[in-house]
Amino acid sequence: MNAEELYKKGMDYSHAGNIDQAFPYFVKAANQGHPDAQAYLGYIYEFGYGVTKDLQKAAYWKKKYEENPNKE
């Protein structure tokens, strides 16, 4: 799956209320450079949505998003 497909699959799980299944898709998409997945991981870690709250990881993913030339 490419980054967009991974992100969309993650969003499908997230919208269905299953962040545990969504999370690996967001990580894979973010690691492939998908800006929305990077931003969403920042949010997930900042607020502890389905994961242990981790402000260092939140900052990492937010920075990746900010530096991503493909973001809109």
Protein backbone atom coordinates (compact mmCIF):
# COMPACT_ATOMS: atom_id res chain seq x y z
CA MET A 1 0.00 0.00 0.00
CA ASN A 2 1.19 3.50 -0.70
CA ALA A 3 1.14 6.27 1.93
CA GLU A 4 -2.25 7.66 0.85
CA GLU A 5 -3.89 4.23 0.97
CA LEU A 6 -2.39 3.56 4.40
CA TYR A 7 -3.61 6.92 5.69
CA LYS A 8 -7.13 6.35 4.36
CA LYS A 9 -7.26 2.87 5.89
CA GLY A 10 -6.16 4.36 9.21
CA MET A 11 -8.84 7.03 8.96
CA ASP A 12 -11.48 4.39 8.24
CA TYR A 13 -10.53 2.56 11.44
CA SER A 14 -10.28 5.82 13.38
CA HIS A 15 -13.72 7.00 12.29
CA ALA A 16 -15.12 3.62 13.31
CA GLY A 17 -13.69 4.23 16.80
CA ASN A 18 -10.89 1.68 16.55
CA ILE A 19 -7.69 3.62 17.10
CA ASP A 20 -5.80 0.43 17.98
CA GLN A 21 -6.26 -0.84 14.42
CA ALA A 22 -5.80 2.62 12.91
CA PHE A 23 -2.53 3.43 14.64
CA PRO A 24 -0.21 1.10 12.66
CA TYR A 25 -1.56 2.48 9.39
CA PHE A 26 -0.87 6.05 10.49
CA VAL A 27 2.67 5.12 11.54
CA LYS A 28 3.40 3.44 8.20
CA ALA A 29 1.92 6.34 6.22
CA ALA A 30 3.79 8.92 8.32
CA ASN A 31 7.07 7.06 7.87
CA GLN A 32 6.45 7.13 4.12
CA GLY A 33 6.12 10.93 4.33
CA HIS A 34 2.34 11.43 4.35
CA PRO A 35 1.87 14.89 5.90
CA ASP A 36 -1.64 14.34 7.27
CA ALA A 37 -0.56 11.09 8.91
CA GLN A 38 2.37 12.92 10.49
CA ALA A 39 0.09 15.66 11.83
CA TYR A 40 -2.42 13.12 13.10
CA LEU A 41 0.29 11.18 14.94
CA GLY A 42 1.32 14.43 16.60
CA TYR A 43 -2.27 14.86 17.78
CA ILE A 44 -2.55 11.22 18.90
CA TYR A 45 0.58 11.47 21.03
CA GLU A 46 -0.16 14.97 22.34
CA PHE A 47 -3.55 14.00 23.73
CA GLY A 48 -2.93 10.30 24.41
CA TYR A 49 -5.64 9.22 22.00
CA GLY A 50 -5.38 5.42 22.13
CA VAL A 51 -1.72 5.57 23.18
CA THR A 52 0.24 6.71 26.20
CA LYS A 53 0.54 10.49 26.07
CA ASP A 54 4.06 11.37 24.89
CA LEU A 55 4.86 15.03 24.26
CA GLN A 56 8.30 14.21 22.86
CA LYS A 57 6.81 11.97 20.17
CA ALA A 58 4.07 14.55 19.58
CA ALA A 59 6.69 17.24 18.97
CA TYR A 60 8.66 14.91 16.68
CA TRP A 61 5.68 14.22 14.43
CA LYS A 62 4.50 17.83 14.43
CA LYS A 63 7.98 18.91 13.35
CA LYS A 64 8.01 16.27 10.58
CA TYR A 65 4.69 17.67 9.38
CA GLU A 66 5.91 21.28 9.49
CA GLU A 67 9.03 20.38 7.52
CA ASN A 68 7.16 18.26 4.98
CA PRO A 69 7.20 20.00 1.59
CA ASN A 70 4.08 18.06 0.51
CA LYS A 71 1.71 19.49 3.13
CA GLU A 72 -1.09 21.72 1.98
